[in-house]
Amino acid sequence: MVNFHVLKDSSGLYLLDAGFAGGWRALRWALHRAGWDNLPIRGIIVTHGHLDHILNIGRIARETGAWIAAPRGDAAHYEGRPCYPGVAKLTGFAEGIARPMLGFTPFVPDRWIEDGDDLDVWDGLKAVHLPGHTDGHTGYYCERHGLLFCVDLFASFQGFTHLPPRIFNSRPGQLSASLTKALSLDPKGVIPNHADRASPEEHLTRLRKLAAANR
């Protein structure tokens, strides 16, 4: 349903989000397969406040001692009390039911992320504010690899590449500008969170076509 990512450097592991229902179990299995299950999880880097990305963050931070860094614009989401406007109220209603059912634990980030902030993890990440999906929606760009983790800026599946459905977007009028901003970085590849297993280069090709169609 939703992908999240693990980055490894000499000091340990860093998560980009923490997935939805079953995410903690899936993470442990993935770390085992990679031979990383004995490495410490040092930090969790949040991209935005939708429940399918933050459900497990409080639990994983508590169990591993990992720090949390998160965009300030979605602070109310981490507290479990987001306010959704317009048709996105449907998402708010669904999350309101799901939070207690799935055991969401509110959390307070150890570091607040703003647009342009640098994170000294992996091979270096720069926060890129890409609002529209949520107020705080933030991607992370690694200049060394020319790679943008673009999160929910778009969904990328072969034959079905699209913007997030309207019910999930708090500020839909900002999506076009965020598409332009992401491409202005001139990345070599992008990695969305809702996507098939295509290469970052193929996802970038799809993003360019989508952006051109939404100008």
C-alpha atoms as a PDB file:
ATOM      1  CA  MET A   1       0.000   0.000   0.000  1.00  0.00           C
ATOM      2  CA  VAL A   2       2.826   2.403   0.845  1.00  0.00           C
ATOM      3  CA  ASN A   3       6.596   2.106   0.665  1.00  0.00           C
ATOM      4  CA  PHE A   4       9.059   3.516   3.139  1.00  0.00           C
ATOM      5  CA  HIS A   5      12.823   3.474   3.025  1.00  0.00           C
ATOM      6  CA  VAL A   6      15.886   2.565   5.058  1.00  0.00           C
ATOM      7  CA  LEU A   7      19.179   4.396   4.596  1.00  0.00           C
ATOM      8  CA  LYS A   8      22.446   2.953   5.940  1.00  0.00           C
ATOM      9  CA  ASP A   9      25.687   4.725   6.743  1.00  0.00           C
ATOM     10  CA  SER A  10      28.648   4.010   9.003  1.00  0.00           C
ATOM     11  CA  SER A  11      26.740   4.999  12.147  1.00  0.00           C
ATOM     12  CA  GLY A  12      23.656   2.848  11.573  1.00  0.00           C
ATOM     13  CA  LEU A  13      20.238   3.028   9.955  1.00  0.00           C
ATOM     14  CA  TYR A  14      17.803   5.860   9.260  1.00  0.00           C
ATOM     15  CA  LEU A  15      14.165   5.460   8.294  1.00  0.00           C
ATOM     16  CA  LEU A  16      12.317   7.706   5.869  1.00  0.00           C
ATOM     17  CA  ASP A  17       8.819   7.308   7.372  1.00  0.00           C
ATOM     18  CA  ALA A  18       7.723   4.076   9.029  1.00  0.00           C
ATOM     19  CA  GLY A  19       4.818   2.694   7.041  1.00  0.00           C
ATOM     20  CA  PHE A  20       1.266   1.688   7.810  1.00  0.00           C
ATOM     21  CA  ALA A  21      -0.362  -1.422   9.283  1.00  0.00           C
ATOM     22  CA  GLY A  22       2.195  -4.230   9.314  1.00  0.00           C
ATOM     23  CA  GLY A  23       5.033  -1.800   8.629  1.00  0.00           C
ATOM     24  CA  TRP A  24       7.104  -2.631  11.719  1.00  0.00           C
ATOM     25  CA  ARG A  25       6.895  -6.343  10.920  1.00  0.00           C
ATOM     26  CA  ALA A  26       7.791  -5.714   7.275  1.00  0.00           C
ATOM     27  CA  LEU A  27      10.740  -3.576   8.355  1.00  0.00           C
ATOM     28  CA  ARG A  28      12.159  -6.264  10.628  1.00  0.00           C
ATOM     29  CA  TRP A  29      11.862  -8.850   7.855  1.00  0.00           C
ATOM     30  CA  ALA A  30      13.537  -6.534   5.324  1.00  0.00           C
ATOM     31  CA  LEU A  31      16.397  -5.796   7.727  1.00  0.00           C
ATOM     32  CA  HIS A  32      16.857  -9.514   8.336  1.00  0.00           C
ATOM     33  CA  ARG A  33      17.021 -10.255   4.611  1.00  0.00           C
ATOM     34  CA  ALA A  34      19.590  -7.479   4.129  1.00  0.00           C
ATOM     35  CA  GLY A  35      21.691  -8.668   7.090  1.00  0.00           C
ATOM     36  CA  TRP A  36      21.075  -5.349   8.827  1.00  0.00           C
ATOM     37  CA  ASP A  37      18.995  -6.599  11.758  1.00  0.00           C
ATOM     38  CA  ASN A  38      21.836  -6.077  14.253  1.00  0.00           C
ATOM     39  CA  LEU A  39      22.447  -2.470  13.191  1.00  0.00           C
ATOM     40  CA  PRO A  40      20.964   0.320  15.328  1.00  0.00           C
ATOM     41  CA  ILE A  41      18.142   2.489  14.007  1.00  0.00           C
ATOM     42  CA  ARG A  42      19.516   5.933  14.793  1.00  0.00           C
ATOM     43  CA  GLY A  43      16.806   8.195  13.437  1.00  0.00           C
ATOM     44  CA  ILE A  44      13.401   8.462  11.772  1.00  0.00           C
ATOM     45  CA  ILE A  45      12.930  11.197   9.176  1.00  0.00           C
ATOM     46  CA  VAL A  46       9.287  12.072   8.600  1.00  0.00           C
ATOM     47  CA  THR A  47       8.006  13.290   5.231  1.00  0.00           C
ATOM     48  CA  HIS A  48       4.469  14.328   6.198  1.00  0.00           C
ATOM     49  CA  GLY A  49       1.689  13.558   8.629  1.00  0.00           C
ATOM     50  CA  HIS A  50      -0.661  11.152   6.867  1.00  0.00           C
ATOM     51  CA  LEU A  51      -1.343   8.077   8.963  1.00  0.00           C
ATOM     52  CA  ASP A  52      -0.044   5.615   6.361  1.00  0.00           C
ATOM     53  CA  HIS A  53       3.392   7.210   6.841  1.00  0.00           C
ATOM     54  CA  ILE A  54       3.501   7.871  10.604  1.00  0.00           C
ATOM     55  CA  LEU A  55       1.482   5.059  12.216  1.00  0.00           C
ATOM     56  CA  ASN A  56       4.541   3.201  13.548  1.00  0.00           C
ATOM     57  CA  ILE A  57       6.860   6.111  14.307  1.00  0.00           C
ATOM     58  CA  GLY A  58       6.064   6.517  18.001  1.00  0.00           C
ATOM     59  CA  ARG A  59       6.402   2.797  18.631  1.00  0.00           C
ATOM     60  CA  ILE A  60       9.664   2.374  16.704  1.00  0.00           C
ATOM     61  CA  ALA A  61      11.216   5.428  18.362  1.00  0.00           C
ATOM     62  CA  ARG A  62      10.234   4.120  21.792  1.00  0.00           C
ATOM     63  CA  GLU A  63      11.580   0.616  21.146  1.00  0.00           C
ATOM     64  CA  THR A  64      14.826   1.643  19.456  1.00  0.00           C
ATOM     65  CA  GLY A  65      15.654   5.004  21.016  1.00  0.00           C
ATOM     66  CA  ALA A  66      15.761   6.610  17.567  1.00  0.00           C
ATOM     67  CA  TRP A  67      15.413  10.381  17.258  1.00  0.00           C
ATOM     68  CA  ILE A  68      12.608  11.835  15.146  1.00  0.00           C
ATOM     69  CA  ALA A  69      12.940  14.711  12.683  1.00  0.00           C
ATOM     70  CA  ALA A  70       9.722  15.968  11.081  1.00  0.00           C
ATOM     71  CA  PRO A  71       8.319  18.890   9.049  1.00  0.00           C
ATOM     72  CA  ARG A  72       6.863  21.542  11.328  1.00  0.00           C
ATOM     73  CA  GLY A  73       3.928  22.179   8.995  1.00  0.00           C
ATOM     74  CA  ASP A  74       2.269  18.878   9.928  1.00  0.00           C
ATOM     75  CA  ALA A  75       2.719  19.166  13.702  1.00  0.00           C
ATOM     76  CA  ALA A  76      -0.979  18.594  14.433  1.00  0.00           C
ATOM     77  CA  HIS A  77      -0.832  15.234  12.635  1.00  0.00           C
ATOM     78  CA  TYR A  78       1.859  13.930  14.980  1.00  0.00           C
ATOM     79  CA  GLU A  79      -0.356  14.845  17.917  1.00  0.00           C
ATOM     80  CA  GLY A  80      -3.250  12.919  16.368  1.00  0.00           C
ATOM     81  CA  ARG A  81      -5.455  15.962  15.803  1.00  0.00           C
ATOM     82  CA  PRO A  82      -5.055  17.108  12.177  1.00  0.00           C
ATOM     83  CA  CYS A  83      -7.566  19.483  10.611  1.00  0.00           C
ATOM     84  CA  TYR A  84      -8.445  18.631   7.005  1.00  0.00           C
ATOM     85  CA  PRO A  85     -10.179  21.188   4.745  1.00  0.00           C
ATOM     86  CA  GLY A  86     -12.718  20.616   1.977  1.00  0.00           C
ATOM     87  CA  VAL A  87     -13.108  17.130   0.522  1.00  0.00           C
ATOM     88  CA  ALA A  88      -9.986  16.053   2.443  1.00  0.00           C
ATOM     89  CA  LYS A  89     -12.234  15.932   5.523  1.00  0.00           C
ATOM     90  CA  LEU A  90     -13.047  12.404   4.311  1.00  0.00           C
ATOM     91  CA  THR A  91      -9.431  11.468   4.924  1.00  0.00           C
ATOM     92  CA  GLY A  92      -9.580  13.068   8.352  1.00  0.00           C
ATOM     93  CA  PHE A  93     -12.696  11.060   9.181  1.00  0.00           C
ATOM     94  CA  ALA A  94     -11.077   7.790   8.076  1.00  0.00           C
ATOM     95  CA  GLU A  95      -7.900   8.525  10.027  1.00  0.00           C
ATOM     96  CA  GLY A  96      -9.952   9.377  13.098  1.00  0.00           C
ATOM     97  CA  ILE A  97     -11.379   5.848  13.020  1.00  0.00           C
ATOM     98  CA  ALA A  98      -8.074   4.189  12.173  1.00  0.00           C
ATOM     99  CA  ARG A  99      -5.832   5.809  14.782  1.00  0.00           C
ATOM    100  CA  PRO A 100      -7.303   4.038  17.849  1.00  0.00           C
ATOM    101  CA  MET A 101      -8.003   0.828  15.912  1.00  0.00           C
ATOM    102  CA  LEU A 102      -4.388   0.537  14.728  1.00  0.00           C
ATOM    103  CA  GLY A 103      -2.757   1.772  17.925  1.00  0.00           C
ATOM    104  CA  PHE A 104      -1.320   5.088  16.773  1.00  0.00           C
ATOM    105  CA  THR A 105       0.942   6.657  19.396  1.00  0.00           C
ATOM    106  CA  PRO A 106       1.303  10.473  19.241  1.00  0.00           C
ATOM    107  CA  PHE A 107       4.870  11.715  19.212  1.00  0.00           C
ATOM    108  CA  VAL A 108       6.853  14.932  19.520  1.00  0.00           C
ATOM    109  CA  PRO A 109       9.761  15.315  17.063  1.00  0.00           C
ATOM    110  CA  ASP A 110      13.227  15.857  18.487  1.00  0.00           C
ATOM    111  CA  ARG A 111      13.977  18.148  15.551  1.00  0.00           C
ATOM    112  CA  TRP A 112      11.671  20.298  13.455  1.00  0.00           C
ATOM    113  CA  ILE A 113      12.403  20.333   9.723  1.00  0.00           C
ATOM    114  CA  GLU A 114      12.104  23.458   7.578  1.00  0.00           C
ATOM    115  CA  ASP A 115      12.549  23.894   3.835  1.00  0.00           C
ATOM    116  CA  GLY A 116      16.239  23.773   2.892  1.00  0.00           C
ATOM    117  CA  ASP A 117      17.449  22.155   6.101  1.00  0.00           C
ATOM    118  CA  ASP A 118      20.411  19.788   5.753  1.00  0.00           C
ATOM    119  CA  LEU A 119      20.502  16.426   7.496  1.00  0.00           C
ATOM    120  CA  ASP A 120      23.941  14.943   8.046  1.00  0.00           C
ATOM    121  CA  VAL A 121      22.940  11.321   7.517  1.00  0.00           C
ATOM    122  CA  TRP A 122      23.644   8.783   4.770  1.00  0.00           C
ATOM    123  CA  ASP A 123      25.282  10.760   1.930  1.00  0.00           C
ATOM    124  CA  GLY A 124      23.581  13.997   2.941  1.00  0.00           C
ATOM    125  CA  LEU A 125      19.930  14.982   2.607  1.00  0.00           C
ATOM    126  CA  LYS A 126      18.358  18.376   2.009  1.00  0.00           C
ATOM    127  CA  ALA A 127      14.717  19.003   2.940  1.00  0.00           C
ATOM    128  CA  VAL A 128      12.594  20.160  -0.005  1.00  0.00           C
ATOM    129  CA  HIS A 129       9.175  21.499   0.987  1.00  0.00           C
ATOM    130  CA  LEU A 130       6.630  20.230  -1.572  1.00  0.00           C
ATOM    131  CA  PRO A 131       3.244  21.331  -0.181  1.00  0.00           C
ATOM    132  CA  GLY A 132      -0.150  20.454  -1.569  1.00  0.00           C
ATOM    133  CA  HIS A 133      -0.638  16.909  -0.364  1.00  0.00           C
ATOM    134  CA  THR A 134      -0.335  18.279   3.197  1.00  0.00           C
ATOM    135  CA  ASP A 135       0.875  21.631   4.508  1.00  0.00           C
ATOM    136  CA  GLY A 136       4.195  20.187   5.614  1.00  0.00           C
ATOM    137  CA  HIS A 137       4.750  17.602   2.851  1.00  0.00           C
ATOM    138  CA  THR A 138       8.536  17.430   2.396  1.00  0.00           C
ATOM    139  CA  GLY A 139      10.826  15.467   0.113  1.00  0.00           C
ATOM    140  CA  TYR A 140      14.526  14.830   0.698  1.00  0.00           C
ATOM    141  CA  TYR A 141      17.199  15.359  -1.938  1.00  0.00           C
ATOM    142  CA  CYS A 142      20.622  13.746  -1.992  1.00  0.00           C
ATOM    143  CA  GLU A 143      22.787  15.925  -4.223  1.00  0.00           C
ATOM    144  CA  ARG A 144      25.627  13.402  -4.282  1.00  0.00           C
ATOM    145  CA  HIS A 145      23.413  10.825  -5.983  1.00  0.00           C
ATOM    146  CA  GLY A 146      21.055  13.253  -7.726  1.00  0.00           C
ATOM    147  CA  LEU A 147      18.224  11.382  -6.030  1.00  0.00           C
ATOM    148  CA  LEU A 148      14.988  12.903  -4.741  1.00  0.00           C
ATOM    149  CA  PHE A 149      12.774  11.011  -2.318  1.00  0.00           C
ATOM    150  CA  CYS A 150       9.618  12.768  -3.518  1.00  0.00           C
ATOM    151  CA  VAL A 151       7.196  10.980  -1.185  1.00  0.00           C
ATOM    152  CA  ASP A 152       3.525  11.475  -2.197  1.00  0.00           C
ATOM    153  CA  LEU A 153       4.113  14.182  -4.794  1.00  0.00           C
ATOM    154  CA  PHE A 154       2.709  11.667  -7.270  1.00  0.00           C
ATOM    155  CA  ALA A 155       1.920   7.971  -7.525  1.00  0.00           C
ATOM    156  CA  SER A 156       3.996   6.095 -10.101  1.00  0.00           C
ATOM    157  CA  PHE A 157       2.738   2.842 -11.572  1.00  0.00           C
ATOM    158  CA  GLN A 158       3.198   1.580 -15.096  1.00  0.00           C
ATOM    159  CA  GLY A 159       0.217   2.800 -17.074  1.00  0.00           C
ATOM    160  CA  PHE A 160      -1.241   4.564 -14.048  1.00  0.00           C
ATOM    161  CA  THR A 161       0.838   7.539 -12.983  1.00  0.00           C
ATOM    162  CA  HIS A 162      -1.188  10.280 -11.330  1.00  0.00           C
ATOM    163  CA  LEU A 163      -1.378  13.042  -8.764  1.00  0.00           C
ATOM    164  CA  PRO A 164      -2.697  12.038  -5.335  1.00  0.00           C
ATOM    165  CA  PRO A 165      -6.522  11.781  -5.327  1.00  0.00           C
ATOM    166  CA  ARG A 166      -8.230  14.996  -4.222  1.00  0.00           C
ATOM    167  CA  ILE A 167      -9.553  13.560  -0.974  1.00  0.00           C
ATOM    168  CA  PHE A 168      -5.956  13.161   0.231  1.00  0.00           C
ATOM    169  CA  ASN A 169      -4.770  16.695  -0.616  1.00  0.00           C
ATOM    170  CA  SER A 170      -5.033  19.477   1.939  1.00  0.00           C
ATOM    171  CA  ARG A 171      -3.842  22.193  -0.471  1.00  0.00           C
ATOM    172  CA  PRO A 172      -4.444  20.896  -4.027  1.00  0.00           C
ATOM    173  CA  GLY A 173      -3.805  24.314  -5.544  1.00  0.00           C
ATOM    174  CA  GLN A 174      -0.141  24.034  -4.546  1.00  0.00           C
ATOM    175  CA  LEU A 175       0.569  20.723  -6.269  1.00  0.00           C
ATOM    176  CA  SER A 176       1.526  22.188  -9.652  1.00  0.00           C
ATOM    177  CA  ALA A 177       4.129  24.487  -8.089  1.00  0.00           C
ATOM    178  CA  SER A 178       5.534  21.564  -6.104  1.00  0.00           C
ATOM    179  CA  LEU A 179       5.913  19.497  -9.283  1.00  0.00           C
ATOM    180  CA  THR A 180       7.857  22.378 -10.836  1.00  0.00           C
ATOM    181  CA  LYS A 181      10.008  22.803  -7.730  1.00  0.00           C
ATOM    182  CA  ALA A 182      10.910  19.112  -7.617  1.00  0.00           C
ATOM    183  CA  LEU A 183      11.986  19.081 -11.265  1.00  0.00           C
ATOM    184  CA  SER A 184      13.930  22.340 -10.845  1.00  0.00           C
ATOM    185  CA  LEU A 185      16.428  20.359  -8.761  1.00  0.00           C
ATOM    186  CA  ASP A 186      17.313  18.534 -12.002  1.00  0.00           C
ATOM    187  CA  PRO A 187      17.481  15.162 -10.243  1.00  0.00           C
ATOM    188  CA  LYS A 188      18.855  12.054 -11.931  1.00  0.00           C
ATOM    189  CA  GLY A 189      16.048  10.005 -10.411  1.00  0.00           C
ATOM    190  CA  VAL A 190      13.110  10.159  -8.025  1.00  0.00           C
ATOM    191  CA  ILE A 191      11.657   7.663  -5.574  1.00  0.00           C
ATOM    192  CA  PRO A 192       7.944   8.024  -4.717  1.00  0.00           C
ATOM    193  CA  ASN A 193       6.343   6.225  -1.786  1.00  0.00           C
ATOM    194  CA  HIS A 194       3.370   4.930  -3.765  1.00  0.00           C
ATOM    195  CA  ALA A 195       5.035   3.242  -6.713  1.00  0.00           C
ATOM    196  CA  ASP A 196       5.991   0.047  -8.496  1.00  0.00           C
ATOM    197  CA  ARG A 197       9.534  -1.320  -8.652  1.00  0.00           C
ATOM    198  CA  ALA A 198      10.655   0.751 -11.627  1.00  0.00           C
ATOM    199  CA  SER A 199      14.037   2.463 -11.467  1.00  0.00           C
ATOM    200  CA  PRO A 200      14.383   6.009 -10.103  1.00  0.00           C
ATOM    201  CA  GLU A 201      15.156   7.093 -13.659  1.00  0.00           C
ATOM    202  CA  GLU A 202      11.887   5.623 -14.944  1.00  0.00           C
ATOM    203  CA  HIS A 203       9.930   7.264 -12.141  1.00  0.00           C
ATOM    204  CA  LEU A 204      11.545  10.571 -13.130  1.00  0.00           C
ATOM    205  CA  THR A 205      10.436  10.106 -16.731  1.00  0.00           C
ATOM    206  CA  ARG A 206       6.883   9.521 -15.533  1.00  0.00           C
ATOM    207  CA  LEU A 207       7.043  12.595 -13.280  1.00  0.00           C
ATOM    208  CA  ARG A 208       8.167  14.797 -16.155  1.00  0.00           C
ATOM    209  CA  LYS A 209       5.265  13.603 -18.319  1.00  0.00           C
ATOM    210  CA  LEU A 210       2.808  14.171 -15.487  1.00  0.00           C
ATOM    211  CA  ALA A 211       4.136  17.659 -14.803  1.00  0.00           C
ATOM    212  CA  ALA A 212       3.869  18.568 -18.503  1.00  0.00           C
ATOM    213  CA  ALA A 213       0.273  17.356 -18.570  1.00  0.00           C
ATOM    214  CA  ASN A 214      -0.639  19.469 -15.520  1.00  0.00           C
ATOM    215  CA  ARG A 215       0.844  22.798 -16.605  1.00  0.00           C
END
